[in-house]
Amino acid sequence: MLRSPWTGPDPLLLASTSPTRRLLLESAALPVETAAPDVDERALEAECAGLSPPDLALVLARAKAESVAARHPGRIVIGADQVLDLDGTVFHKPADAQAARAQLARLSGRTHALHSAVVLAGAVQDAFVETARLTLRPLDERAIAAYVGCAGEARVRSSVGGYQLEGPGIHLFESVVGDHSTVLGLPLLPLLARLRGAGVLDF
């Protein structure tokens, strides 16, 4: 049986039900459990009107981490959130395929930022934001409709911007600048550095 580098007394507690974030942690050989945070993201966002997109991502990630940490004292809790920023405009997950097509049309041929915030709460306290910059190819209506038909409505509704880089969404892009795990919503390299600093990783 392979040995994990994790030395903490309990598994990491991810304040999210995101299968992508959980898989990222598991791929790094870390034991992880998940708990859904009790956070109304849109209401919190409305309260934070005027914040920059990176700061908004931090506020949302902190609310998630603290919500779960309050219910699980003594655990190391990871809260994460991602904000898509197109020239200061924040995008959310599209409500349906039509909304996804409209979002992709706005992103077409332009560069947007994905700000991925992580907050460690509970037994370890820390916070950071990493940003990736992604440029979509110029896409006409036919190309966008073809992509949405290929990806399917469930997939385009599951992520901000209407795409998943780890799936058929890769076809949409001209360039990506930034770490892949940042694009997926949980920047692993800085997270692992902080866990090493906290003394809960073996190497």
N, C-alpha and C. Protein backbone atom coordinates (compact mmCIF):
# COMPACT_ATOMS: atom_id res chain seq x y z
N MET A 1 0.84 -1.20 0.00
CA MET A 1 0.00 0.00 0.00
C MET A 1 0.88 1.24 0.00
N LEU A 2 0.56 2.22 -0.85
CA LEU A 2 1.34 3.44 -0.94
C LEU A 2 1.14 4.28 0.31
N ARG A 3 2.21 4.95 0.72
CA ARG A 3 2.19 5.77 1.93
C ARG A 3 1.89 7.22 1.59
N SER A 4 1.00 7.84 2.33
CA SER A 4 0.66 9.24 2.12
C SER A 4 1.67 10.13 2.82
N PRO A 5 1.97 11.31 2.26
CA PRO A 5 2.85 12.26 2.96
C PRO A 5 2.15 12.98 4.11
N TRP A 6 0.86 12.78 4.25
CA TRP A 6 0.07 13.48 5.27
C TRP A 6 0.41 12.97 6.66
N THR A 7 0.66 13.89 7.60
CA THR A 7 0.98 13.51 8.98
C THR A 7 -0.01 14.08 9.98
N GLY A 8 -1.05 14.74 9.49
CA GLY A 8 -2.05 15.30 10.40
C GLY A 8 -2.84 14.21 11.11
N PRO A 9 -3.44 14.54 12.26
CA PRO A 9 -4.19 13.54 13.02
C PRO A 9 -5.50 13.14 12.36
N ASP A 10 -6.05 14.01 11.54
CA ASP A 10 -7.31 13.74 10.84
C ASP A 10 -7.14 14.12 9.37
N PRO A 11 -7.97 13.55 8.49
CA PRO A 11 -7.91 13.97 7.08
C PRO A 11 -8.20 15.46 6.93
N LEU A 12 -7.72 16.04 5.86
CA LEU A 12 -8.12 17.39 5.51
C LEU A 12 -9.64 17.44 5.35
N LEU A 13 -10.22 18.56 5.70
CA LEU A 13 -11.66 18.72 5.56
C LEU A 13 -11.91 19.81 4.52
N LEU A 14 -12.43 19.43 3.37
CA LEU A 14 -12.69 20.34 2.27
C LEU A 14 -14.10 20.90 2.41
N ALA A 15 -14.20 22.22 2.53
CA ALA A 15 -15.49 22.88 2.68
C ALA A 15 -16.14 23.07 1.31
N SER A 16 -16.41 21.96 0.68
CA SER A 16 -16.94 21.97 -0.69
C SER A 16 -17.40 20.58 -1.05
N THR A 17 -18.36 20.50 -1.94
CA THR A 17 -18.76 19.20 -2.48
C THR A 17 -18.26 19.06 -3.92
N SER A 18 -17.33 19.92 -4.33
CA SER A 18 -16.80 19.88 -5.69
C SER A 18 -15.98 18.61 -5.91
N PRO A 19 -16.39 17.75 -6.83
CA PRO A 19 -15.59 16.55 -7.10
C PRO A 19 -14.23 16.89 -7.69
N THR A 20 -14.13 18.00 -8.42
CA THR A 20 -12.85 18.38 -9.01
C THR A 20 -11.84 18.75 -7.94
N ARG A 21 -12.25 19.55 -6.97
CA ARG A 21 -11.33 19.94 -5.89
C ARG A 21 -10.93 18.73 -5.05
N ARG A 22 -11.89 17.87 -4.76
CA ARG A 22 -11.55 16.68 -3.98
C ARG A 22 -10.56 15.81 -4.74
N LEU A 23 -10.76 15.64 -6.04
CA LEU A 23 -9.86 14.82 -6.84
C LEU A 23 -8.46 15.41 -6.89
N LEU A 24 -8.35 16.73 -6.93
CA LEU A 24 -7.03 17.36 -6.91
C LEU A 24 -6.27 17.00 -5.64
N LEU A 25 -6.95 17.07 -4.51
CA LEU A 25 -6.29 16.72 -3.24
C LEU A 25 -5.94 15.23 -3.19
N GLU A 26 -6.86 14.40 -3.63
CA GLU A 26 -6.59 12.96 -3.63
C GLU A 26 -5.46 12.59 -4.58
N SER A 27 -5.36 13.32 -5.70
CA SER A 27 -4.27 13.04 -6.65
C SER A 27 -2.91 13.37 -6.06
N ALA A 28 -2.90 14.25 -5.05
CA ALA A 28 -1.65 14.58 -4.35
C ALA A 28 -1.43 13.65 -3.15
N ALA A 29 -2.15 12.55 -3.11
CA ALA A 29 -2.02 11.52 -2.07
C ALA A 29 -2.38 12.05 -0.69
N LEU A 30 -3.35 12.97 -0.63
CA LEU A 30 -3.79 13.53 0.65
C LEU A 30 -5.14 12.94 1.02
N PRO A 31 -5.31 12.54 2.28
CA PRO A 31 -6.63 12.07 2.71
C PRO A 31 -7.56 13.26 2.87
N VAL A 32 -8.77 13.14 2.38
CA VAL A 32 -9.68 14.28 2.41
C VAL A 32 -11.11 13.82 2.66
N GLU A 33 -11.80 14.60 3.47
CA GLU A 33 -13.23 14.45 3.66
C GLU A 33 -13.88 15.75 3.23
N THR A 34 -15.17 15.70 2.93
CA THR A 34 -15.85 16.91 2.47
C THR A 34 -17.04 17.22 3.37
N ALA A 35 -17.35 18.52 3.44
CA ALA A 35 -18.53 18.98 4.17
C ALA A 35 -19.06 20.20 3.45
N ALA A 36 -20.35 20.24 3.22
CA ALA A 36 -20.96 21.37 2.50
C ALA A 36 -21.04 22.58 3.42
N PRO A 37 -20.53 23.73 2.98
CA PRO A 37 -20.65 24.94 3.80
C PRO A 37 -22.06 25.51 3.75
N ASP A 38 -22.44 26.21 4.80
CA ASP A 38 -23.76 26.86 4.84
C ASP A 38 -23.56 28.34 4.53
N VAL A 39 -23.44 28.64 3.23
CA VAL A 39 -23.14 30.00 2.79
C VAL A 39 -24.03 30.35 1.61
N ASP A 40 -24.69 31.49 1.68
CA ASP A 40 -25.46 32.01 0.55
C ASP A 40 -24.52 32.90 -0.25
N GLU A 41 -23.90 32.34 -1.28
CA GLU A 41 -22.84 33.05 -2.00
C GLU A 41 -23.35 34.32 -2.67
N ARG A 42 -24.52 34.26 -3.30
CA ARG A 42 -25.00 35.45 -4.00
C ARG A 42 -25.37 36.57 -3.02
N ALA A 43 -25.94 36.21 -1.86
CA ALA A 43 -26.27 37.23 -0.86
C ALA A 43 -24.99 37.86 -0.32
N LEU A 44 -23.98 37.03 -0.06
CA LEU A 44 -22.70 37.54 0.44
C LEU A 44 -22.04 38.43 -0.60
N GLU A 45 -22.13 38.03 -1.85
CA GLU A 45 -21.56 38.83 -2.93
C GLU A 45 -22.25 40.20 -2.99
N ALA A 46 -23.56 40.22 -2.81
CA ALA A 46 -24.29 41.49 -2.85
C ALA A 46 -23.84 42.40 -1.71
N GLU A 47 -23.57 41.81 -0.54
CA GLU A 47 -23.10 42.59 0.60
C GLU A 47 -21.71 43.17 0.34
N CYS A 48 -20.95 42.52 -0.55
CA CYS A 48 -19.56 42.92 -0.79
C CYS A 48 -19.41 43.69 -2.10
N ALA A 49 -20.48 44.31 -2.54
CA ALA A 49 -20.43 45.08 -3.79
C ALA A 49 -19.31 46.11 -3.71
N GLY A 50 -18.53 46.20 -4.77
CA GLY A 50 -17.41 47.15 -4.80
C GLY A 50 -16.07 46.51 -4.54
N LEU A 51 -16.06 45.29 -4.00
CA LEU A 51 -14.79 44.58 -3.80
C LEU A 51 -14.20 44.20 -5.15
N SER A 52 -12.88 44.16 -5.23
CA SER A 52 -12.24 43.66 -6.44
C SER A 52 -12.53 42.17 -6.58
N PRO A 53 -12.50 41.62 -7.80
CA PRO A 53 -12.77 40.19 -7.97
C PRO A 53 -11.86 39.28 -7.14
N PRO A 54 -10.53 39.54 -7.02
CA PRO A 54 -9.72 38.67 -6.16
C PRO A 54 -10.15 38.74 -4.70
N ASP A 55 -10.48 39.94 -4.21
CA ASP A 55 -10.92 40.07 -2.82
C ASP A 55 -12.27 39.40 -2.61
N LEU A 56 -13.14 39.47 -3.60
CA LEU A 56 -14.43 38.77 -3.50
C LEU A 56 -14.21 37.27 -3.38
N ALA A 57 -13.31 36.73 -4.19
CA ALA A 57 -13.01 35.29 -4.11
C ALA A 57 -12.54 34.92 -2.71
N LEU A 58 -11.70 35.77 -2.11
CA LEU A 58 -11.22 35.50 -0.74
C LEU A 58 -12.35 35.54 0.28
N VAL A 59 -13.24 36.51 0.16
CA VAL A 59 -14.37 36.61 1.10
C VAL A 59 -15.23 35.36 1.02
N LEU A 60 -15.52 34.90 -0.19
CA LEU A 60 -16.35 33.71 -0.36
C LEU A 60 -15.65 32.46 0.17
N ALA A 61 -14.35 32.32 -0.13
CA ALA A 61 -13.60 31.17 0.36
C ALA A 61 -13.53 31.16 1.89
N ARG A 62 -13.35 32.36 2.49
CA ARG A 62 -13.28 32.45 3.94
C ARG A 62 -14.61 32.07 4.59
N ALA A 63 -15.70 32.54 4.01
CA ALA A 63 -17.02 32.22 4.56
C ALA A 63 -17.25 30.71 4.55
N LYS A 64 -16.84 30.06 3.46
CA LYS A 64 -17.02 28.60 3.37
C LYS A 64 -16.16 27.89 4.41
N ALA A 65 -14.89 28.29 4.50
CA ALA A 65 -13.98 27.63 5.45
C ALA A 65 -14.45 27.81 6.88
N GLU A 66 -14.85 29.03 7.24
CA GLU A 66 -15.26 29.29 8.62
C GLU A 66 -16.58 28.62 8.96
N SER A 67 -17.48 28.50 7.96
CA SER A 67 -18.74 27.81 8.19
C SER A 67 -18.52 26.36 8.59
N VAL A 68 -17.61 25.70 7.88
CA VAL A 68 -17.35 24.29 8.18
C VAL A 68 -16.48 24.14 9.43
N ALA A 69 -15.49 25.03 9.60
CA ALA A 69 -14.61 24.94 10.78
C ALA A 69 -15.40 25.10 12.07
N ALA A 70 -16.44 25.92 12.06
CA ALA A 70 -17.24 26.12 13.27
C ALA A 70 -17.94 24.84 13.69
N ARG A 71 -18.23 23.97 12.73
CA ARG A 71 -18.92 22.70 13.04
C ARG A 71 -17.94 21.57 13.33
N HIS A 72 -16.66 21.79 13.00
CA HIS A 72 -15.66 20.72 13.16
C HIS A 72 -14.41 21.29 13.83
N PRO A 73 -14.48 21.64 15.11
CA PRO A 73 -13.33 22.25 15.79
C PRO A 73 -12.12 21.31 15.79
N GLY A 74 -10.95 21.93 15.64
CA GLY A 74 -9.70 21.17 15.69
C GLY A 74 -9.26 20.60 14.36
N ARG A 75 -10.11 20.68 13.33
CA ARG A 75 -9.76 20.14 12.02
C ARG A 75 -9.06 21.21 11.17
N ILE A 76 -8.30 20.75 10.18
CA ILE A 76 -7.74 21.65 9.17
C ILE A 76 -8.75 21.70 8.03
N VAL A 77 -9.35 22.88 7.83
CA VAL A 77 -10.42 23.05 6.87
C VAL A 77 -9.93 23.90 5.70
N ILE A 78 -10.25 23.46 4.50
CA ILE A 78 -9.91 24.21 3.29
C ILE A 78 -11.19 24.75 2.67
N GLY A 79 -11.26 26.07 2.57
CA GLY A 79 -12.34 26.71 1.83
C GLY A 79 -11.78 27.27 0.53
N ALA A 80 -12.49 27.12 -0.56
CA ALA A 80 -12.00 27.61 -1.85
C ALA A 80 -13.14 28.21 -2.65
N ASP A 81 -12.81 29.24 -3.42
CA ASP A 81 -13.79 29.81 -4.32
C ASP A 81 -13.06 30.38 -5.52
N GLN A 82 -13.77 30.48 -6.62
CA GLN A 82 -13.18 30.97 -7.86
C GLN A 82 -14.10 32.01 -8.48
N VAL A 83 -13.50 33.11 -8.91
CA VAL A 83 -14.25 34.19 -9.54
C VAL A 83 -13.69 34.42 -10.94
N LEU A 84 -14.59 34.41 -11.92
CA LEU A 84 -14.20 34.73 -13.29
C LEU A 84 -14.41 36.22 -13.50
N ASP A 85 -13.35 36.86 -13.97
CA ASP A 85 -13.31 38.32 -14.08
C ASP A 85 -12.96 38.71 -15.51
N LEU A 86 -13.92 39.35 -16.18
CA LEU A 86 -13.68 39.89 -17.52
C LEU A 86 -13.70 41.41 -17.41
N ASP A 87 -12.52 42.00 -17.35
CA ASP A 87 -12.39 43.46 -17.25
C ASP A 87 -13.22 44.02 -16.11
N GLY A 88 -13.21 43.33 -14.96
CA GLY A 88 -13.93 43.80 -13.79
C GLY A 88 -15.34 43.30 -13.65
N THR A 89 -15.89 42.66 -14.67
CA THR A 89 -17.23 42.06 -14.59
C THR A 89 -17.10 40.62 -14.13
N VAL A 90 -17.86 40.27 -13.09
CA VAL A 90 -17.82 38.93 -12.51
C VAL A 90 -18.88 38.06 -13.18
N PHE A 91 -18.46 36.87 -13.61
CA PHE A 91 -19.38 35.90 -14.21
C PHE A 91 -19.73 34.82 -13.18
N HIS A 92 -20.93 34.26 -13.32
CA HIS A 92 -21.35 33.15 -12.48
C HIS A 92 -21.64 31.93 -13.36
N LYS A 93 -21.98 30.83 -12.72
CA LYS A 93 -22.36 29.65 -13.49
C LYS A 93 -23.63 29.97 -14.28
N PRO A 94 -23.65 29.66 -15.57
CA PRO A 94 -24.84 29.95 -16.37
C PRO A 94 -26.03 29.11 -15.94
N ALA A 95 -27.21 29.72 -16.03
CA ALA A 95 -28.43 29.04 -15.57
C ALA A 95 -28.86 27.93 -16.52
N ASP A 96 -28.53 28.06 -17.81
CA ASP A 96 -28.95 27.07 -18.79
C ASP A 96 -28.04 27.18 -20.01
N ALA A 97 -28.32 26.36 -21.03
CA ALA A 97 -27.46 26.34 -22.22
C ALA A 97 -27.48 27.68 -22.94
N GLN A 98 -28.63 28.36 -22.96
CA GLN A 98 -28.71 29.65 -23.62
C GLN A 98 -27.82 30.68 -22.93
N ALA A 99 -27.85 30.69 -21.60
CA ALA A 99 -26.99 31.60 -20.85
C ALA A 99 -25.52 31.27 -21.07
N ALA A 100 -25.20 29.98 -21.18
CA ALA A 100 -23.82 29.58 -21.44
C ALA A 100 -23.36 30.09 -22.80
N ARG A 101 -24.22 29.99 -23.80
CA ARG A 101 -23.86 30.50 -25.13
C ARG A 101 -23.61 32.00 -25.09
N ALA A 102 -24.44 32.72 -24.32
CA ALA A 102 -24.28 34.17 -24.22
C ALA A 102 -22.96 34.53 -23.52
N GLN A 103 -22.62 33.78 -22.46
CA GLN A 103 -21.37 34.04 -21.76
C GLN A 103 -20.17 33.77 -22.67
N LEU A 104 -20.21 32.68 -23.38
CA LEU A 104 -19.09 32.33 -24.26
C LEU A 104 -18.94 33.36 -25.38
N ALA A 105 -20.05 33.91 -25.85
CA ALA A 105 -19.98 34.95 -26.88
C ALA A 105 -19.28 36.20 -26.34
N ARG A 106 -19.52 36.51 -25.06
CA ARG A 106 -18.85 37.67 -24.45
C ARG A 106 -17.36 37.41 -24.22
N LEU A 107 -17.01 36.17 -23.94
CA LEU A 107 -15.61 35.82 -23.69
C LEU A 107 -14.83 35.59 -24.98
N SER A 108 -15.52 35.36 -26.07
CA SER A 108 -14.89 35.02 -27.35
C SER A 108 -13.85 36.05 -27.78
N GLY A 109 -12.65 35.57 -28.09
CA GLY A 109 -11.59 36.42 -28.60
C GLY A 109 -10.97 37.33 -27.56
N ARG A 110 -11.30 37.14 -26.29
CA ARG A 110 -10.82 38.04 -25.23
C ARG A 110 -10.11 37.23 -24.15
N THR A 111 -9.36 37.95 -23.32
CA THR A 111 -8.64 37.34 -22.20
C THR A 111 -9.38 37.66 -20.91
N HIS A 112 -9.67 36.62 -20.12
CA HIS A 112 -10.28 36.83 -18.82
C HIS A 112 -9.41 36.21 -17.74
N ALA A 113 -9.70 36.57 -16.50
CA ALA A 113 -8.94 36.06 -15.36
C ALA A 113 -9.80 35.13 -14.52
N LEU A 114 -9.18 34.08 -14.04
CA LEU A 114 -9.79 33.22 -13.03
C LEU A 114 -9.01 33.41 -11.73
N HIS A 115 -9.67 33.99 -10.73
CA HIS A 115 -9.05 34.21 -9.42
C HIS A 115 -9.48 33.07 -8.50
N SER A 116 -8.54 32.24 -8.10
CA SER A 116 -8.84 31.09 -7.24
C SER A 116 -8.30 31.37 -5.84
N ALA A 117 -9.23 31.52 -4.90
CA ALA A 117 -8.86 31.83 -3.52
C ALA A 117 -8.95 30.58 -2.66
N VAL A 118 -8.03 30.48 -1.70
CA VAL A 118 -8.02 29.38 -0.74
C VAL A 118 -7.85 29.96 0.65
N VAL A 119 -8.68 29.51 1.58
CA VAL A 119 -8.56 29.90 2.98
C VAL A 119 -8.46 28.64 3.83
N LEU A 120 -7.43 28.58 4.65
CA LEU A 120 -7.27 27.51 5.63
C LEU A 120 -7.80 28.02 6.96
N ALA A 121 -8.70 27.26 7.56
CA ALA A 121 -9.30 27.65 8.83
C ALA A 121 -9.21 26.48 9.81
N GLY A 122 -9.51 26.77 11.07
CA GLY A 122 -9.45 25.73 12.08
C GLY A 122 -8.06 25.61 12.66
N ALA A 123 -7.48 24.43 12.61
CA ALA A 123 -6.18 24.17 13.23
C ALA A 123 -5.03 24.88 12.52
N VAL A 124 -5.21 25.26 11.27
CA VAL A 124 -4.21 26.03 10.52
C VAL A 124 -4.92 27.24 9.92
N GLN A 125 -4.28 28.41 10.01
CA GLN A 125 -4.88 29.64 9.51
C GLN A 125 -4.00 30.23 8.41
N ASP A 126 -4.57 30.44 7.24
CA ASP A 126 -3.82 31.06 6.14
C ASP A 126 -4.81 31.40 5.02
N ALA A 127 -4.36 32.20 4.06
CA ALA A 127 -5.22 32.57 2.94
C ALA A 127 -4.36 33.10 1.80
N PHE A 128 -4.79 32.82 0.58
CA PHE A 128 -4.08 33.33 -0.60
C PHE A 128 -5.00 33.28 -1.81
N VAL A 129 -4.59 34.01 -2.85
CA VAL A 129 -5.29 34.00 -4.13
C VAL A 129 -4.27 33.80 -5.24
N GLU A 130 -4.57 32.92 -6.18
CA GLU A 130 -3.77 32.73 -7.38
C GLU A 130 -4.64 33.06 -8.59
N THR A 131 -4.02 33.62 -9.62
CA THR A 131 -4.78 34.03 -10.80
C THR A 131 -4.21 33.39 -12.06
N ALA A 132 -5.10 32.87 -12.88
CA ALA A 132 -4.75 32.37 -14.22
C ALA A 132 -5.44 33.27 -15.25
N ARG A 133 -4.81 33.43 -16.40
CA ARG A 133 -5.39 34.26 -17.46
C ARG A 133 -5.59 33.39 -18.70
N LEU A 134 -6.82 33.40 -19.20
CA LEU A 134 -7.20 32.52 -20.28
C LEU A 134 -7.74 33.33 -21.45
N THR A 135 -7.33 32.98 -22.65
CA THR A 135 -7.79 33.66 -23.85
C THR A 135 -8.55 32.69 -24.74
N LEU A 136 -9.80 33.03 -25.02
CA LEU A 136 -10.60 32.20 -25.92
C LEU A 136 -10.30 32.54 -27.37
N ARG A 137 -10.40 31.55 -28.22
CA ARG A 137 -10.33 31.80 -29.65
C ARG A 137 -11.55 32.63 -30.07
N PRO A 138 -11.46 33.38 -31.15
CA PRO A 138 -12.67 34.02 -31.68
C PRO A 138 -13.66 32.92 -32.10
N LEU A 139 -14.87 33.00 -31.56
CA LEU A 139 -15.87 31.94 -31.78
C LEU A 139 -17.14 32.55 -32.38
N ASP A 140 -17.61 31.99 -33.48
CA ASP A 140 -18.89 32.45 -34.02
C ASP A 140 -20.03 31.64 -33.40
N GLU A 141 -21.26 31.99 -33.75
CA GLU A 141 -22.42 31.33 -33.15
C GLU A 141 -22.42 29.83 -33.43
N ARG A 142 -21.99 29.43 -34.62
CA ARG A 142 -21.97 28.01 -34.96
C ARG A 142 -21.00 27.25 -34.07
N ALA A 143 -19.80 27.84 -33.87
CA ALA A 143 -18.80 27.16 -33.05
C ALA A 143 -19.27 27.04 -31.61
N ILE A 144 -19.88 28.09 -31.09
CA ILE A 144 -20.37 28.06 -29.71
C ILE A 144 -21.48 27.03 -29.56
N ALA A 145 -22.40 27.00 -30.52
CA ALA A 145 -23.50 26.02 -30.46
C ALA A 145 -22.95 24.60 -30.56
N ALA A 146 -21.94 24.40 -31.39
CA ALA A 146 -21.34 23.07 -31.53
C ALA A 146 -20.69 22.64 -30.23
N TYR A 147 -20.00 23.57 -29.58
CA TYR A 147 -19.36 23.23 -28.30
C TYR A 147 -20.40 22.87 -27.24
N VAL A 148 -21.44 23.70 -27.11
CA VAL A 148 -22.46 23.43 -26.09
C VAL A 148 -23.14 22.09 -26.36
N GLY A 149 -23.36 21.78 -27.64
CA GLY A 149 -23.94 20.48 -27.98
C GLY A 149 -23.03 19.33 -27.63
N CYS A 150 -21.73 19.54 -27.79
CA CYS A 150 -20.75 18.49 -27.47
C CYS A 150 -20.61 18.30 -25.96
N ALA A 151 -20.51 19.41 -25.23
CA ALA A 151 -20.28 19.33 -23.78
C ALA A 151 -21.54 18.91 -23.03
N GLY A 152 -22.71 19.34 -23.52
CA GLY A 152 -23.96 19.02 -22.84
C GLY A 152 -24.32 20.09 -21.81
N GLU A 153 -25.61 20.28 -21.60
CA GLU A 153 -26.06 21.36 -20.71
C GLU A 153 -25.57 21.19 -19.28
N ALA A 154 -25.55 19.97 -18.77
CA ALA A 154 -25.13 19.76 -17.37
C ALA A 154 -23.70 20.25 -17.16
N ARG A 155 -22.85 19.97 -18.14
CA ARG A 155 -21.44 20.35 -17.99
C ARG A 155 -21.27 21.86 -18.13
N VAL A 156 -21.93 22.49 -19.09
CA VAL A 156 -21.73 23.93 -19.26
C VAL A 156 -22.34 24.72 -18.10
N ARG A 157 -23.31 24.13 -17.41
CA ARG A 157 -23.90 24.82 -16.26
C ARG A 157 -23.09 24.65 -14.99
N SER A 158 -22.12 23.76 -15.00
CA SER A 158 -21.42 23.40 -13.76
C SER A 158 -20.21 24.25 -13.45
N SER A 159 -19.84 25.17 -14.34
CA SER A 159 -18.66 26.00 -14.06
C SER A 159 -18.86 27.41 -14.61
N VAL A 160 -18.18 28.37 -13.97
CA VAL A 160 -18.30 29.75 -14.42
C VAL A 160 -17.79 29.86 -15.85
N GLY A 161 -18.45 30.71 -16.62
CA GLY A 161 -18.04 30.89 -18.00
C GLY A 161 -18.63 29.89 -18.96
N GLY A 162 -19.15 28.78 -18.43
CA GLY A 162 -19.77 27.78 -19.29
C GLY A 162 -18.82 26.79 -19.90
N TYR A 163 -17.60 26.70 -19.37
CA TYR A 163 -16.63 25.75 -19.93
C TYR A 163 -15.92 24.99 -18.82
N GLN A 164 -15.37 23.84 -19.15
CA GLN A 164 -14.48 23.09 -18.28
C GLN A 164 -13.23 22.78 -19.09
N LEU A 165 -12.13 23.36 -18.66
CA LEU A 165 -10.88 23.20 -19.41
C LEU A 165 -10.45 21.73 -19.47
N GLU A 166 -10.83 20.96 -18.44
CA GLU A 166 -10.42 19.56 -18.38
C GLU A 166 -11.32 18.65 -19.22
N GLY A 167 -12.27 19.24 -19.93
CA GLY A 167 -13.17 18.48 -20.79
C GLY A 167 -13.17 19.06 -22.19
N PRO A 168 -14.30 18.99 -22.89
CA PRO A 168 -14.38 19.52 -24.25
C PRO A 168 -14.08 21.02 -24.34
N GLY A 169 -14.16 21.72 -23.20
CA GLY A 169 -13.88 23.14 -23.19
C GLY A 169 -12.48 23.50 -23.66
N ILE A 170 -11.55 22.55 -23.62
CA ILE A 170 -10.19 22.83 -24.07
C ILE A 170 -10.16 23.32 -25.52
N HIS A 171 -11.14 22.91 -26.32
CA HIS A 171 -11.18 23.32 -27.72
C HIS A 171 -11.42 24.82 -27.90
N LEU A 172 -11.90 25.48 -26.87
CA LEU A 172 -12.28 26.89 -26.98
C LEU A 172 -11.10 27.84 -26.89
N PHE A 173 -9.95 27.35 -26.43
CA PHE A 173 -8.92 28.26 -25.98
C PHE A 173 -7.77 28.45 -26.96
N GLU A 174 -7.28 29.68 -26.95
CA GLU A 174 -6.09 30.05 -27.71
C GLU A 174 -4.85 29.95 -26.84
N SER A 175 -4.96 30.38 -25.57
CA SER A 175 -3.83 30.30 -24.65
C SER A 175 -4.32 30.30 -23.21
N VAL A 176 -3.51 29.69 -22.35
CA VAL A 176 -3.78 29.67 -20.91
C VAL A 176 -2.47 29.98 -20.20
N VAL A 177 -2.49 31.00 -19.36
CA VAL A 177 -1.30 31.38 -18.59
C VAL A 177 -1.63 31.19 -17.12
N GLY A 178 -1.00 30.23 -16.49
CA GLY A 178 -1.27 29.95 -15.09
C GLY A 178 -1.27 28.46 -14.84
N ASP A 179 -1.16 28.09 -13.58
CA ASP A 179 -1.11 26.69 -13.20
C ASP A 179 -2.46 26.01 -13.45
N HIS A 180 -2.39 24.76 -13.91
CA HIS A 180 -3.63 24.03 -14.24
C HIS A 180 -4.55 23.90 -13.04
N SER A 181 -3.98 23.65 -11.85
CA SER A 181 -4.84 23.49 -10.68
C SER A 181 -5.51 24.81 -10.29
N THR A 182 -4.88 25.93 -10.62
CA THR A 182 -5.53 27.23 -10.39
C THR A 182 -6.75 27.36 -11.27
N VAL A 183 -6.62 26.95 -12.53
CA VAL A 183 -7.76 26.99 -13.45
C VAL A 183 -8.89 26.11 -12.92
N LEU A 184 -8.55 24.98 -12.32
CA LEU A 184 -9.56 24.05 -11.82
C LEU A 184 -10.15 24.48 -10.48
N GLY A 185 -9.58 25.52 -9.86
CA GLY A 185 -10.21 26.08 -8.67
C GLY A 185 -9.57 25.75 -7.34
N LEU A 186 -8.40 25.09 -7.34
CA LEU A 186 -7.71 24.80 -6.08
C LEU A 186 -6.20 24.79 -6.35
N PRO A 187 -5.54 25.95 -6.22
CA PRO A 187 -4.10 26.03 -6.54
C PRO A 187 -3.27 25.14 -5.62
N LEU A 188 -2.78 24.03 -6.14
CA LEU A 188 -2.13 23.03 -5.30
C LEU A 188 -0.74 23.44 -4.82
N LEU A 189 0.07 24.03 -5.68
CA LEU A 189 1.45 24.31 -5.28
C LEU A 189 1.52 25.24 -4.07
N PRO A 190 0.86 26.40 -4.06
CA PRO A 190 0.90 27.23 -2.86
C PRO A 190 0.19 26.59 -1.67
N LEU A 191 -0.85 25.79 -1.92
CA LEU A 191 -1.52 25.10 -0.81
C LEU A 191 -0.58 24.10 -0.16
N LEU A 192 0.10 23.31 -0.96
CA LEU A 192 1.03 22.32 -0.41
C LEU A 192 2.17 23.00 0.35
N ALA A 193 2.64 24.14 -0.16
CA ALA A 193 3.70 24.88 0.53
C ALA A 193 3.23 25.30 1.92
N ARG A 194 2.00 25.73 2.03
CA ARG A 194 1.48 26.15 3.33
C ARG A 194 1.27 24.96 4.27
N LEU A 195 0.86 23.84 3.73
CA LEU A 195 0.70 22.65 4.57
C LEU A 195 2.06 22.14 5.05
N ARG A 196 3.08 22.24 4.19
CA ARG A 196 4.45 21.89 4.65
C ARG A 196 4.88 22.82 5.77
N GLY A 197 4.60 24.12 5.60
CA GLY A 197 4.95 25.09 6.63
C GLY A 197 4.25 24.83 7.94
N ALA A 198 3.06 24.25 7.87
CA ALA A 198 2.30 23.92 9.08
C ALA A 198 2.75 22.61 9.71
N GLY A 199 3.66 21.90 9.03
CA GLY A 199 4.22 20.67 9.60
C GLY A 199 3.35 19.45 9.49
N VAL A 200 2.42 19.45 8.50
CA VAL A 200 1.53 18.28 8.36
C VAL A 200 1.80 17.49 7.10
N LEU A 201 2.94 17.77 6.42
CA LEU A 201 3.37 16.98 5.29
C LEU A 201 4.77 16.46 5.55
N ASP A 202 5.00 15.23 5.12
CA ASP A 202 6.26 14.54 5.37
C ASP A 202 7.37 15.02 4.46
N PHE A 203 7.04 15.50 3.27
CA PHE A 203 8.08 15.96 2.34
C PHE A 203 7.54 17.07 1.46
